[in-house]
């Protein structure tokens, strides 16, 4: 007899002083088929919960795309150019990702001044620039996501909203305006063109209000705020006051972290924080407690999200993330550089075509990767000190210079609140072999592939306590050998 059947039998015996043994055996079996699925979800493991929830929602909710705008036949065909569908059903009839799928994520800015009038003209800003619940604004966040069951990785490629493009019929413009002007399929076409013609299978659009409600339905999200942030904009009633460090934020506070851009790195710094938040959101969604919130989460999605993903496909993506975990998530940023400081003319992010080609070949299985690697003397290395140990960075620079790395800089502008036991060698451009070479040369640290390092570096070293321990070993060795010289 199962635990569930035994528990039901106990309940039946409490109702009668003379229980019928046959009733105790038969009644649970009869009721088992009618038992709410959420009871079973609470009894299983995370994987079982995901499968049960997927099976339930797959049969109880519509399998039509959750779109808030209709695509033309040509636009719909664009998202299906990859041939055979990337989604299928497992033996248990649970939706799953069966081949790599690329998804364009657009986070829409929703201030009234960014939304055009019905005649297509810009609204004039008049006093309070209110936030509105619409998907007709500029794209503040642009990411290309890849869920790859072959490598078991989830890739987040951030595309700066100021990226310069040449668009047929529109001339030179920033990529963040395409969706507002022509819709998600047009935005996907421009991103595909920018990335060398890679196929894009689906899109997701959501605005700030949708993000805030999703976060609140998740019960908040835990993130590490990189530094103290305090900002005030009375025209938008936009106020941010966050202290550095790891903390649990609700939807409104998290939006402050997402929208803030008034620091040295401007929109690029904001994009780095956005990627951090997206990763934290996915990690939070893997929490077993999230299973009980699925109906509420889908209610928010249906109200505030525009996507040509179906419910089944969303469940497949969730199951993929749950199976592969946060360790297989990699954050990248499209290579490039600004054309200026924005004080003299329009500021654009200029794409690095060769860097994009290598990144797409390496992480999106599209194109051919260049085997040419930067020489040590040309490699740009940036050091962030989290060890707080006197002369730690100076000693590291000396070691690197001796090994032939001459383009080394100590970043003193960012006062990191991190306290790392293990140093991190961050491959900012997405080429891990460069960071691995440095880590092996120095004999410490771990390699990470993400975009959280210095914008203009090839490798960013976040210096931890393991370097100090190694330096003490060097010091003791030098003291031992010096008398024999």
Foldseek 3Di string as FASTA:
>chain_A
DDPQLVVQLVVQCVVDVDDDVVCSVPVCVVCVVVPDLVVVLVVDDLLVNLQSLQVVCVVVDDQFFLAPDDDDPVLLVLLCVVPDDQWDADPSRAIAGNAKAKEKEFEFFFWQQQAADPVRHGDDQDFAREGDQDQLGFGLWIWIWMCGPVVLFIETETEQQQAWDQDVPPGIDGLRCQCNVPRDSRSQVRVCVLLVNFGHNKYKYFYLVLQLQLCVLLVFWKAFAFAFDFDDDNSHRQTAGDHGGIDTDHSNNLVNLLPDQPDPRGSLVSNQSVVRVVLRSLQSCSPSVVSVSVVVNVVSCSVTMRMRGTPSRVSNVNSSCNVSDSVRYAAAYFDFAWPDDCPPDHIHTYGDSLLSQQQCCVPVVDHDHDPDDDDQCPAAEEEEEQAPDPCLVVVVQVVSVVVNRDNYYYDPPRDGPDADAFKEKEQQSQDQVVSVVVCVVLVGHDYGYHNNADNPGRIYIHDHCVSVVVVVVVVVVCVVCVVVD
